[in-house]
Protein backbone atom coordinates (compact mmCIF):
# COMPACT_ATOMS: atom_id res chain seq x y z
CA UNK A 1 191.54 106.53 106.72
CA UNK A 2 194.76 108.46 104.94
CA UNK A 3 194.64 111.09 103.11
CA UNK A 4 198.89 110.94 102.40
CA UNK A 5 198.90 109.35 99.25
CA UNK A 6 200.40 112.34 96.82
CA UNK A 7 203.39 114.44 97.31
CA UNK A 8 204.82 114.21 100.90
CA UNK A 9 206.01 117.30 102.51
CA UNK A 10 208.96 117.07 104.86
CA UNK A 11 209.34 120.20 107.22
CA UNK A 12 211.57 118.94 109.69
CA UNK A 13 214.58 121.32 110.90
CA UNK A 14 216.87 119.29 108.39
CA UNK A 15 217.34 117.72 106.20
CA UNK A 16 215.26 119.74 104.23
CA UNK A 17 213.43 119.54 100.83
CA UNK A 18 215.84 119.25 98.10
CA UNK A 19 214.73 121.03 94.43
CA UNK A 20 214.08 118.70 91.71
CA UNK A 21 217.00 120.82 89.41
CA UNK A 22 219.52 119.86 92.56
CA UNK A 23 218.52 116.28 92.09
CA UNK A 24 218.78 116.33 88.30
CA UNK A 25 222.30 118.00 88.60
CA UNK A 26 223.39 114.57 90.34
CA UNK A 27 222.34 112.30 87.67
CA UNK A 28 225.33 112.31 85.52
CA UNK A 29 228.63 110.27 85.21
CA UNK A 30 231.69 111.06 87.03
CA UNK A 31 234.45 113.42 85.87
CA UNK A 32 237.92 113.58 85.85
CA UNK A 33 239.22 115.01 89.24
CA UNK A 34 242.26 116.44 87.76
CA UNK A 35 241.37 118.77 84.92
CA UNK A 36 238.27 120.00 82.96
CA UNK A 37 234.82 120.89 84.18
CA UNK A 38 235.11 119.61 87.84
CA UNK A 39 237.75 121.99 88.44
CA UNK A 40 235.29 124.55 87.27
CA UNK A 41 232.61 123.35 89.75
CA UNK A 42 235.16 123.62 92.50
CA UNK A 43 235.74 127.17 91.77
CA UNK A 44 231.98 128.05 91.44
CA UNK A 45 231.24 126.35 94.73
CA UNK A 46 233.92 128.13 96.73
CA UNK A 47 233.12 131.51 95.05
CA UNK A 48 229.40 130.85 95.93
CA UNK A 49 230.22 129.91 99.46
CA UNK A 50 232.01 133.53 99.51
CA UNK A 51 228.56 135.28 98.42
CA UNK A 52 226.48 133.12 100.83
CA UNK A 53 228.63 133.86 103.93
CA UNK A 54 229.29 137.61 102.78
CA UNK A 55 233.03 137.37 102.74
CA UNK A 56 235.86 138.03 100.78
CA UNK A 57 238.07 135.47 102.91
CA UNK A 58 238.92 131.78 102.05
CA UNK A 59 236.57 129.25 102.10
CA UNK A 60 236.64 125.53 102.77
CA UNK A 61 234.68 122.49 101.40
CA UNK A 62 234.44 119.08 103.49
CA UNK A 63 233.07 115.76 102.70
CA UNK A 64 231.51 115.72 106.29
CA UNK A 65 228.16 116.61 107.97
CA UNK A 66 228.29 119.67 110.57
CA UNK A 67 230.22 117.85 112.82
CA UNK A 68 232.63 117.39 110.85
CA UNK A 69 233.20 121.43 110.15
CA UNK A 70 232.94 121.63 113.78
CA UNK A 71 236.18 119.51 114.38
CA UNK A 72 237.67 121.30 111.14
CA UNK A 73 237.21 124.58 112.59
CA UNK A 74 238.86 123.72 116.05
CA UNK A 75 241.64 121.34 114.91
CA UNK A 76 242.77 123.95 112.35
CA UNK A 77 242.82 127.31 114.92
CA UNK A 78 243.56 125.61 118.20
CA UNK A 79 246.04 123.84 120.20
CA UNK A 80 245.65 121.49 122.93
CA UNK A 81 244.75 123.15 126.35
CA UNK A 82 243.44 126.24 124.96
CA UNK A 83 240.38 127.52 126.22
CA UNK A 84 236.96 127.90 124.51
CA UNK A 85 234.14 129.94 125.78
CA UNK A 86 230.72 128.46 124.64
CA UNK A 87 227.59 130.59 124.50
CA UNK A 88 225.02 128.45 125.17
CA UNK A 89 221.33 128.78 123.97
CA UNK A 90 220.27 125.00 123.40
CA UNK A 91 221.91 122.13 122.02
CA UNK A 92 224.40 122.67 119.47
CA UNK A 93 227.07 125.18 120.64
CA UNK A 94 227.28 122.91 123.88
CA UNK A 95 227.55 120.25 121.38
CA UNK A 96 230.26 121.76 119.38
CA UNK A 97 232.33 122.71 122.77
CA UNK A 98 232.02 119.16 123.78
CA UNK A 99 233.54 117.99 120.42
CA UNK A 100 236.58 120.28 121.46
CA UNK A 101 236.73 118.93 124.88
CA UNK A 102 237.40 115.46 123.31
CA UNK A 103 240.06 116.95 121.31
CA UNK A 104 242.04 118.35 124.26
CA UNK A 105 240.38 121.91 124.49
CA UNK A 106 239.38 123.25 127.78
CA UNK A 107 235.83 123.87 127.54
CA UNK A 108 233.89 126.50 129.60
CA UNK A 109 230.15 127.17 128.93
CA UNK A 110 228.60 130.32 129.75
CA UNK A 111 225.30 129.57 131.07
CA UNK A 112 222.42 130.00 128.98
CA UNK A 113 218.66 128.76 128.83
CA UNK A 114 216.81 126.84 126.48
CA UNK A 115 213.98 129.36 126.52
CA UNK A 116 215.74 132.75 125.77
CA UNK A 117 218.79 134.05 123.41
CA UNK A 118 222.37 134.36 124.37
CA UNK A 119 223.00 137.88 126.57
CA UNK A 120 225.64 139.69 125.26
CA UNK A 121 225.92 141.80 128.49
CA UNK A 122 226.80 138.55 130.09
CA UNK A 123 229.47 137.92 127.36
CA UNK A 124 230.90 140.88 127.95
CA UNK A 125 231.00 140.44 131.71
CA UNK A 126 232.69 137.26 131.29
CA UNK A 127 235.27 138.15 128.75
CA UNK A 128 236.37 141.27 131.18
CA UNK A 129 237.21 138.78 133.94
CA UNK A 130 239.48 137.12 131.50
CA UNK A 131 242.16 139.47 132.27
CA UNK A 132 244.90 136.93 131.40
CA UNK A 133 243.17 136.35 128.01
CA UNK A 134 243.33 132.76 128.50
CA UNK A 135 240.10 132.28 126.35
CA UNK A 136 241.04 131.72 122.76
CA UNK A 137 237.78 131.23 121.19
CA UNK A 138 234.15 131.98 121.65
CA UNK A 139 231.62 129.38 120.08
CA UNK A 140 227.99 130.26 119.12
CA UNK A 141 225.36 129.12 116.87
CA UNK A 142 223.36 131.81 115.22
CA UNK A 143 220.33 129.56 115.13
CA UNK A 144 219.80 126.49 117.27
CA UNK A 145 217.15 124.07 115.90
CA UNK A 146 216.62 122.32 119.27
CA UNK A 147 215.19 125.44 120.63
CA UNK A 148 214.21 128.03 117.70
CA UNK A 149 215.97 130.78 119.04
CA UNK A 150 218.12 132.97 116.97
CA UNK A 151 221.24 134.77 118.46
CA UNK A 152 222.28 138.62 117.69
CA UNK A 153 225.64 138.02 116.54
CA UNK A 154 226.37 141.92 115.63
CA UNK A 155 225.30 142.27 119.13
CA UNK A 156 227.70 139.41 120.60
CA UNK A 157 230.75 140.83 118.51
CA UNK A 158 230.10 144.39 120.26
CA UNK A 159 230.19 142.77 123.53
CA UNK A 160 233.40 141.13 122.64
CA UNK A 161 234.85 144.70 121.47
CA UNK A 162 233.61 146.21 124.40
CA UNK A 163 235.43 143.72 126.66
CA UNK A 164 238.75 144.22 124.55
CA UNK A 165 239.01 140.68 124.13
CA UNK A 166 241.52 139.24 121.30
CA UNK A 167 239.69 135.75 121.11
CA UNK A 168 238.42 134.17 117.87
CA UNK A 169 234.89 134.93 117.20
CA UNK A 170 233.33 131.51 115.55
CA UNK A 171 229.60 131.08 114.55
CA UNK A 172 227.93 127.95 113.34
CA UNK A 173 225.22 128.96 110.55
CA UNK A 174 224.31 125.44 110.09
CA UNK A 175 220.26 126.37 110.42
CA UNK A 176 220.65 130.13 109.31
CA UNK A 177 222.93 130.29 106.24
CA UNK A 178 220.86 130.81 103.22
CA UNK A 179 217.69 131.72 105.55
CA UNK A 180 218.40 134.74 107.61
CA UNK A 181 220.81 137.63 107.16
CA UNK A 182 224.39 137.07 108.05
CA UNK A 183 227.59 139.50 107.22
CA UNK A 184 230.50 137.48 107.93
CA UNK A 185 232.97 140.51 107.09
CA UNK A 186 230.70 143.17 108.15
CA UNK A 187 230.09 141.69 111.50
CA UNK A 188 233.21 140.86 112.37
CA UNK A 189 233.05 136.89 112.49
CA UNK A 190 236.68 135.30 112.36
CA UNK A 191 235.22 131.80 111.54
CA UNK A 192 231.74 130.65 110.21
CA UNK A 193 230.63 127.06 109.33
CA UNK A 194 227.62 125.60 107.83
CA UNK A 195 226.45 122.29 106.17
CA UNK A 196 224.75 121.54 102.85
CA UNK A 197 221.45 120.14 104.05
CA UNK A 198 219.24 123.03 105.72
CA UNK A 199 219.10 126.38 104.02
CA UNK A 200 221.44 125.41 101.04
CA UNK A 201 218.68 122.95 99.63
CA UNK A 202 221.28 120.05 98.98
CA UNK A 203 221.86 116.54 100.18
CA UNK A 204 223.34 115.90 103.44
CA UNK A 205 227.09 115.33 103.25
CA UNK A 206 228.87 118.41 102.54
CA UNK A 207 229.89 121.02 105.25
CA UNK A 208 231.90 124.24 104.61
CA UNK A 209 234.02 126.60 106.53
CA UNK A 210 234.84 130.46 105.69
CA UNK A 211 238.05 131.74 107.80
CA UNK A 212 239.15 135.02 108.22
CA UNK A 213 242.61 136.70 109.13
CA UNK A 214 242.57 136.01 112.70
CA UNK A 215 241.35 132.25 112.18
CA UNK A 216 244.10 131.66 109.35
CA UNK A 217 246.92 133.15 111.53
CA UNK A 218 246.04 131.17 114.64
CA UNK A 219 246.20 128.00 111.97
CA UNK A 220 249.92 128.84 111.85
CA UNK A 221 250.48 127.73 114.98
CA UNK A 222 247.70 125.21 115.98
CA UNK A 223 248.67 121.85 116.83
CA UNK A 224 245.45 120.13 116.38
CA UNK A 225 245.62 119.80 113.04
CA UNK A 226 244.95 116.51 111.07
CA UNK A 227 245.73 115.18 108.02
CA UNK A 228 242.07 115.48 106.27
CA UNK A 229 240.69 118.79 107.95
CA UNK A 230 244.44 120.34 107.67
CA UNK A 231 244.08 123.71 105.72
CA UNK A 232 247.36 123.90 104.62
CA UNK A 233 247.18 120.79 102.57
CA UNK A 234 244.02 122.09 101.18
CA UNK A 235 245.93 124.97 99.85
CA UNK A 236 248.35 122.96 97.51
CA UNK A 237 248.62 123.44 93.90
CA UNK A 238 246.70 120.54 92.72
CA UNK A 239 243.00 120.30 92.47
CA UNK A 240 242.35 116.99 94.84
CA UNK A 241 244.16 118.82 97.69
CA UNK A 242 241.08 120.88 98.37
CA UNK A 243 239.42 117.99 99.36
CA UNK A 244 242.33 115.85 100.81
CA UNK A 245 241.48 113.31 97.96
CA UNK A 246 238.82 112.60 95.69
CA UNK A 247 236.20 115.08 95.41
CA UNK A 248 232.56 114.15 96.35
CA UNK A 249 231.71 115.03 92.88
CA UNK A 250 228.01 114.47 92.56
CA UNK A 251 227.31 116.37 95.87
CA UNK A 252 229.46 118.97 94.40
CA UNK A 253 227.29 119.46 91.34
CA UNK A 254 224.03 119.23 93.35
CA UNK A 255 225.46 122.08 95.44
CA UNK A 256 226.53 124.10 92.12
CA UNK A 257 222.93 123.51 91.05
CA UNK A 258 221.71 125.07 94.49
CA UNK A 259 223.86 127.84 94.32
CA UNK A 260 222.70 128.53 91.01
CA UNK A 261 219.02 128.86 92.51
CA UNK A 262 219.78 130.91 95.59
CA UNK A 263 221.66 133.38 93.03
CA UNK A 264 218.71 133.33 90.86
CA UNK A 265 216.14 134.30 93.49
CA UNK A 266 218.76 136.90 95.02
CA UNK A 267 220.06 136.63 98.63
CA UNK A 268 217.81 139.32 100.07
CA UNK A 269 214.78 137.98 98.61
CA UNK A 270 215.77 134.49 99.70
CA UNK A 271 215.70 136.21 103.27
CA UNK A 272 212.61 137.76 102.89
CA UNK A 273 210.97 134.61 101.97
CA UNK A 274 212.00 132.81 105.06
CA UNK A 275 210.89 135.86 107.22
CA UNK A 276 207.47 135.94 105.81
CA UNK A 277 206.79 132.36 105.86
CA UNK A 278 208.39 132.27 109.70
CA UNK A 279 205.94 135.05 110.78
CA UNK A 280 202.98 133.22 109.26
CA UNK A 281 203.86 130.21 111.14
CA UNK A 282 204.28 132.22 114.34
CA UNK A 283 200.85 133.86 113.81
CA UNK A 284 199.34 130.46 113.33
CA UNK A 285 201.08 129.13 116.76
CA UNK A 286 200.17 132.36 118.44
CA UNK A 287 196.33 131.42 117.63
CA UNK A 288 196.68 127.74 118.60
CA UNK A 289 198.12 129.01 122.15
CA UNK A 290 194.96 130.57 123.20
CA UNK A 291 193.67 127.11 123.89
CA UNK A 292 196.11 126.93 126.86
CA UNK A 293 197.80 123.60 125.70
CA UNK A 294 200.39 125.32 123.31
CA UNK A 295 203.12 127.98 123.95
CA UNK A 296 206.04 129.02 122.00
CA UNK A 297 209.36 127.63 123.58
CA UNK A 298 211.42 130.91 122.94
CA UNK A 299 209.78 133.43 125.15
CA UNK A 300 210.86 136.71 123.59
CA UNK A 301 209.18 137.08 120.15
CA UNK A 302 212.13 139.15 118.61
CA UNK A 303 214.31 135.94 119.18
CA UNK A 304 212.18 133.50 117.64
CA UNK A 305 214.10 132.14 114.63
CA UNK A 306 212.92 132.58 110.70
CA UNK A 307 214.51 128.87 110.26
CA UNK A 308 212.50 127.14 112.59
CA UNK A 309 209.71 127.53 115.44
CA UNK A 310 209.41 125.43 118.44
CA UNK A 311 206.46 125.06 120.51
CA UNK A 312 205.49 123.25 123.65
CA UNK A 313 202.32 121.55 124.60
CA UNK A 314 201.08 120.93 127.93
CA UNK A 315 199.64 117.67 129.34
CA UNK A 316 199.54 116.05 125.63
CA UNK A 317 201.93 113.74 123.59
CA UNK A 318 203.09 115.59 120.73
CA UNK A 319 203.88 112.25 119.21
CA UNK A 320 200.36 111.75 118.70
CA UNK A 321 200.29 114.80 116.65
CA UNK A 322 203.16 114.07 114.66
CA UNK A 323 201.85 110.66 114.05
CA UNK A 324 198.47 112.13 112.84
CA UNK A 325 200.19 114.71 110.42
CA UNK A 326 202.68 111.87 108.92
CA UNK A 327 200.00 109.16 108.39
CA UNK A 328 196.88 111.03 107.59
CA UNK A 329 198.39 113.90 105.67
CA UNK A 330 201.71 112.92 104.45
CA UNK A 331 203.43 116.06 106.42
CA UNK A 332 206.22 115.31 108.62
CA UNK A 333 207.15 117.73 111.41
CA UNK A 334 209.87 117.54 114.02
CA UNK A 335 209.71 116.58 117.59
CA UNK A 336 211.60 118.36 120.28
CA UNK A 337 215.06 117.27 121.18
CA UNK A 338 217.51 117.36 124.10
CA UNK A 339 216.24 118.95 127.20
CA UNK A 340 212.60 119.51 125.47
CA UNK A 341 212.52 115.76 124.08
CA UNK A 342 208.83 114.74 124.28
CA UNK A 343 207.67 118.17 125.09
CA UNK A 344 206.68 119.69 121.77
CA UNK A 345 206.75 120.10 118.22
CA UNK A 346 209.49 121.66 115.74
CA UNK A 347 208.47 122.99 112.12
CA UNK A 348 211.27 123.44 110.05
CA UNK A 349 210.70 126.29 107.45
CA UNK A 350 213.93 126.68 105.82
CA UNK A 351 215.38 126.13 102.29
CA UNK A 352 213.15 124.96 99.39
CA UNK A 353 209.95 126.26 100.72
CA UNK A 354 206.95 128.14 99.57
CA UNK A 355 203.62 129.49 100.77
CA UNK A 356 201.80 126.41 99.79
CA UNK A 357 204.06 124.20 101.96
CA UNK A 358 203.72 126.21 104.74
CA UNK A 359 199.85 126.59 104.49
CA UNK A 360 199.69 122.93 104.01
CA UNK A 361 201.56 122.22 106.99
CA UNK A 362 199.73 124.53 109.36
CA UNK A 363 196.53 123.11 108.00
CA UNK A 364 197.72 119.54 108.80
CA UNK A 365 198.66 120.43 112.52
CA UNK A 366 195.16 122.13 112.73
CA UNK A 367 193.26 119.32 111.36
CA UNK A 368 195.45 117.06 113.87
CA UNK A 369 194.53 119.48 116.90
CA UNK A 370 190.85 119.16 116.06
CA UNK A 371 190.69 115.43 115.74
CA UNK A 372 192.72 114.57 118.68
CA UNK A 373 190.63 116.88 121.08
CA UNK A 374 193.61 118.95 121.72
CA UNK A 375 192.58 122.20 122.93
CA UNK A 376 193.44 124.87 120.82
CA UNK A 377 192.56 128.55 119.53
CA UNK A 378 190.55 128.73 116.45
CA UNK A 379 191.66 130.73 113.23
CA UNK A 380 195.24 129.64 112.97
CA UNK A 381 195.62 128.81 109.06
CA UNK A 382 193.50 132.15 108.34
CA UNK A 383 195.67 134.28 110.51
CA UNK A 384 198.55 132.92 108.43
CA UNK A 385 196.91 133.89 105.42
CA UNK A 386 196.12 137.15 106.71
CA UNK A 387 199.75 138.03 107.53
CA UNK A 388 201.16 136.64 103.88
CA UNK A 389 198.37 138.66 102.04
CA UNK A 390 199.41 141.79 104.44
CA UNK A 391 203.35 141.12 103.60
CA UNK A 392 203.06 140.68 99.91
């Protein structure tokens, strides 16, 4: 029997739930791209990105997913043969570096773990050994959705400074912007990027870059620049140049509506909402873990992200639990990917989420564990409720 007939809940680490206000914003005719309201929409979006990244520097919009932003970041600031240091903590920083290798960059990966955060001490040690300053850019993700880890960006910045290294510091905020604190200017980040479909509550298809003075200076001599990604062209006087052609109008209408929702709630309140719901999720997982089958993927509790929780399942197929929550309860949760494929569950709790959605998801998983006979500790949902009551 199924109980899924009703509003279904999507709780994967992206794309995330799109608010009705954002969906309605797209339900309108196309607009003139040379003058009028479209120009204002672009201005609102670019300024909104400055508030979200916490920067006074330039922002850029691409009709592309996050991988497009990766290419734009590297091609606008680096030249063929430049060395980049990737700080591994799962799948996505390494993926960014691999994209650079295809472009002709010299890729070096600082080894990491799929169960731990980036170690700032190891970063400082590697940079001190780069006496010739061959490393031109350092790439890291703030949150890796494959592992559920968050990386301490201010601590990594301090490590770079302690080593006295001039490399550009680039941060992928794909699964963190609009979810957890990020302070581009205050933390000394030279370039940051993100996408529309996670914490920013918009349909997939847009990606964004914020570039600081060091990145803009590097752009002047970068020789990997391409027509579509090029910042210089996008600095031109015509509105369409900001998109290297026709703007993705309806995605921009949607993103503008999402910015308005985030502004109305207040970014600090958004961060607090995510923190409370993430910790409620972790309280539930900790209870399930008492049964001996379930365990957190990230071993240090201090580095479990507020965007996604990843737990592993010993001697049980996570696909059966995912199928139960989807087909019986109407709740879609994510499976693990990369090195963790087939080993566990990813619960996305970012973007347009509230307490009911989290508690409903946890209840669906709890029901699935019971019906499938998977050993687990009792009282998980109550533990989540108790924490939310305490945090309010």
